[in-house]
Amino acid sequence: MKQAIQSGEGALVGMVEELIINPENGELAGFIVREGFGKNSLKTLGAKDVLGISSDFYLIPNYETLGEMDEIVRLKNILDKNIKVTGNKVCTVSGTYLGRVFDFTIDLRHFMISRIYVAGRILGGFGKQHIIDYKQIISIEKDKITVDDAFVKVKKPTLVAVDRVPST
């Protein structure tokens, strides 16, 4: 569900189209906001400009808080990298493929990613799902997200029976 952006005066300003995540530190840096129709209707909003969050909308001081897509330099630099969290593949440091990110959650106290949700695919289209804590993420890059090997469960070791030769 897309969240609405509302000004302090109570006016609906737009709808959040996408979250802008800084891949270097997992910070929610801002939002891409649609204020109308067409490509020119996309604006940016810095996360620090949000005054409050409810289940229905983000509250901002006023309409002028929104910027053009290339106006807020810090957000433009992140957008130019074109690194997405959702849809990105996830691998462990040792190279084990876990799947693709289908969702993530944000810690609203710190405006940081708290978890990513990964779905692996096997025959038939269904697969194992993983919930990965942000502390286990090593890097977020354009082509993959790398997570700690400690995330992967290790199979229990198999006990091998050894015949003992009685000593004489």
Protein backbone atom coordinates (compact mmCIF):
# COMPACT_ATOMS: atom_id res chain seq x y z
CA MET A 1 0.00 0.00 0.00
CA LYS A 2 1.38 3.39 -0.96
CA GLN A 3 1.55 5.99 1.79
CA ALA A 4 0.23 9.51 1.32
CA ILE A 5 2.29 12.64 1.93
CA GLN A 6 0.34 15.30 3.80
CA SER A 7 1.37 18.86 4.61
CA GLY A 8 1.08 20.44 8.03
CA GLU A 9 -1.90 22.39 6.68
CA GLY A 10 -3.72 19.09 6.09
CA ALA A 11 -3.45 19.07 2.29
CA LEU A 12 -2.60 15.88 0.41
CA VAL A 13 0.72 16.55 -1.33
CA GLY A 14 1.39 13.23 -3.07
CA MET A 15 1.95 9.50 -2.75
CA VAL A 16 5.20 7.72 -1.91
CA GLU A 17 6.31 5.78 -4.98
CA GLU A 18 9.61 4.45 -3.64
CA LEU A 19 11.93 4.64 -0.65
CA ILE A 20 15.46 5.91 -1.27
CA ILE A 21 17.92 3.73 0.66
CA ASN A 22 21.57 4.71 1.03
CA PRO A 23 23.41 1.47 0.08
CA GLU A 24 26.50 2.46 2.05
CA ASN A 25 24.80 2.35 5.46
CA GLY A 26 21.21 1.11 5.00
CA GLU A 27 19.78 4.51 5.95
CA LEU A 28 16.38 5.64 4.69
CA ALA A 29 17.62 8.78 2.96
CA GLY A 30 14.36 9.89 1.41
CA PHE A 31 11.36 9.20 -0.76
CA ILE A 32 10.33 9.47 -4.38
CA VAL A 33 6.90 11.12 -4.32
CA ARG A 34 4.32 11.27 -7.11
CA GLU A 35 2.39 14.52 -6.89
CA GLY A 36 0.37 14.06 -10.07
CA PHE A 37 0.62 12.18 -13.36
CA GLY A 38 3.53 11.75 -15.76
CA LYS A 39 7.30 11.63 -15.35
CA ASN A 40 7.54 15.31 -14.37
CA SER A 41 5.26 14.67 -11.41
CA LEU A 42 7.98 12.74 -9.54
CA LYS A 43 9.62 14.68 -6.71
CA THR A 44 12.04 13.83 -3.92
CA LEU A 45 11.64 14.28 -0.19
CA GLY A 46 14.46 13.96 2.33
CA ALA A 47 13.70 11.62 5.23
CA LYS A 48 14.83 14.31 7.67
CA ASP A 49 12.00 16.55 6.40
CA VAL A 50 9.32 14.18 7.69
CA LEU A 51 7.69 15.58 10.84
CA GLY A 52 5.62 12.53 11.69
CA ILE A 53 4.43 9.15 10.49
CA SER A 54 1.04 7.54 10.93
CA SER A 55 -0.45 4.38 9.50
CA ASP A 56 -2.06 6.49 6.75
CA PHE A 57 0.46 9.19 5.83
CA TYR A 58 3.80 10.94 6.28
CA LEU A 59 3.50 14.48 7.63
CA ILE A 60 5.74 17.19 6.14
CA PRO A 61 5.85 20.95 6.92
CA ASN A 62 4.51 22.09 3.53
CA TYR A 63 4.47 21.50 -0.21
CA GLU A 64 7.76 23.39 -0.72
CA THR A 65 9.56 20.60 1.16
CA LEU A 66 9.38 18.46 -2.01
CA GLY A 67 12.26 18.90 -4.45
CA GLU A 68 12.84 18.14 -8.10
CA MET A 69 14.45 14.75 -8.81
CA ASP A 70 17.94 16.25 -9.09
CA GLU A 71 17.54 19.13 -6.64
CA ILE A 72 18.59 17.44 -3.39
CA VAL A 73 22.23 16.55 -4.13
CA ARG A 74 22.54 13.82 -1.50
CA LEU A 75 19.46 12.02 -2.83
CA LYS A 76 20.52 12.53 -6.45
CA ASN A 77 23.90 10.89 -5.73
CA ILE A 78 22.13 7.83 -4.27
CA LEU A 79 19.61 7.67 -7.12
CA ASP A 80 22.40 7.94 -9.72
CA LYS A 81 23.93 4.70 -8.37
CA ASN A 82 20.63 2.97 -9.27
CA ILE A 83 21.00 0.40 -6.49
CA LYS A 84 17.71 -1.19 -5.47
CA VAL A 85 17.06 -3.28 -2.38
CA THR A 86 13.80 -4.89 -3.49
CA GLY A 87 14.42 -7.34 -6.33
CA ASN A 88 18.17 -7.55 -5.69
CA LYS A 89 19.68 -11.02 -5.39
CA VAL A 90 21.15 -12.12 -2.04
CA CYS A 91 24.27 -14.25 -1.61
CA THR A 92 26.42 -15.19 1.34
CA VAL A 93 30.10 -14.18 1.54
CA SER A 94 31.04 -17.72 0.45
CA GLY A 95 28.78 -17.41 -2.63
CA THR A 96 25.66 -19.35 -1.62
CA TYR A 97 22.65 -17.91 -3.45
CA LEU A 98 19.69 -17.37 -1.09
CA GLY A 99 17.16 -15.72 -3.41
CA ARG A 100 15.87 -12.19 -4.11
CA VAL A 101 14.63 -9.49 -1.76
CA PHE A 102 10.85 -9.20 -1.98
CA ASP A 103 10.42 -6.72 0.90
CA PHE A 104 12.21 -4.96 3.73
CA THR A 105 11.32 -3.16 6.95
CA ILE A 106 12.51 0.18 8.26
CA ASP A 107 13.27 0.94 11.91
CA LEU A 108 11.37 4.23 12.22
CA ARG A 109 13.30 5.35 15.32
CA HIS A 110 16.60 5.29 13.45
CA PHE A 111 15.36 5.49 9.82
CA MET A 112 17.45 2.42 8.92
CA ILE A 113 16.71 -0.91 7.28
CA SER A 114 16.04 -3.39 10.07
CA ARG A 115 15.39 -6.56 8.03
CA ILE A 116 15.23 -7.80 4.49
CA TYR A 117 12.88 -10.58 3.37
CA VAL A 118 14.32 -12.98 0.80
CA ALA A 119 12.53 -15.61 -1.26
CA GLY A 120 14.44 -18.41 -2.93
CA ARG A 121 12.97 -20.15 -5.97
CA ILE A 122 12.91 -23.86 -6.60
CA LEU A 123 11.03 -25.93 -9.17
CA GLY A 124 7.36 -25.08 -9.17
CA GLY A 125 7.96 -21.42 -8.24
CA PHE A 126 7.93 -21.84 -4.47
CA GLY A 127 10.95 -21.81 -2.24
CA LYS A 128 12.40 -21.10 1.12
CA GLN A 129 12.02 -17.64 2.60
CA HIS A 130 14.62 -15.97 4.80
CA ILE A 131 14.38 -13.04 7.18
CA ILE A 132 17.79 -11.40 7.42
CA ASP A 133 18.64 -8.84 10.09
CA TYR A 134 20.47 -5.73 8.91
CA LYS A 135 23.47 -6.58 11.13
CA GLN A 136 24.05 -9.64 8.92
CA ILE A 137 24.29 -7.56 5.73
CA ILE A 138 27.88 -7.06 4.57
CA SER A 139 27.21 -4.92 1.46
CA ILE A 140 24.47 -3.63 -0.80
CA GLU A 141 25.59 -3.37 -4.41
CA LYS A 142 23.91 -2.93 -7.77
CA ASP A 143 24.00 -6.62 -8.69
CA LYS A 144 23.71 -8.28 -5.26
CA ILE A 145 23.40 -7.98 -1.51
CA THR A 146 26.05 -9.93 0.39
CA VAL A 147 25.21 -11.35 3.82
CA ASP A 148 27.27 -13.02 6.52
CA ASP A 149 27.90 -16.75 6.12
CA ALA A 150 26.77 -17.22 9.73
CA PHE A 151 23.24 -16.66 8.43
CA VAL A 152 23.15 -20.03 6.67
CA LYS A 153 22.16 -22.86 8.97
CA VAL A 154 24.78 -25.58 9.22
CA LYS A 155 23.51 -29.15 9.00
CA LYS A 156 24.01 -31.24 12.11
CA PRO A 157 27.18 -33.31 11.82
CA THR A 158 26.59 -36.97 11.15
CA LEU A 159 27.98 -39.32 13.76
CA VAL A 160 29.98 -42.15 12.28
CA ALA A 161 30.25 -45.40 14.17
CA VAL A 162 33.80 -46.66 14.41
CA ASP A 163 34.51 -50.28 15.23
CA ARG A 164 36.90 -50.48 18.09
CA VAL A 165 39.50 -53.16 18.01
CA PRO A 166 39.94 -54.60 21.46
CA SER A 167 43.45 -54.19 22.78
CA THR A 168 45.34 -57.30 23.79
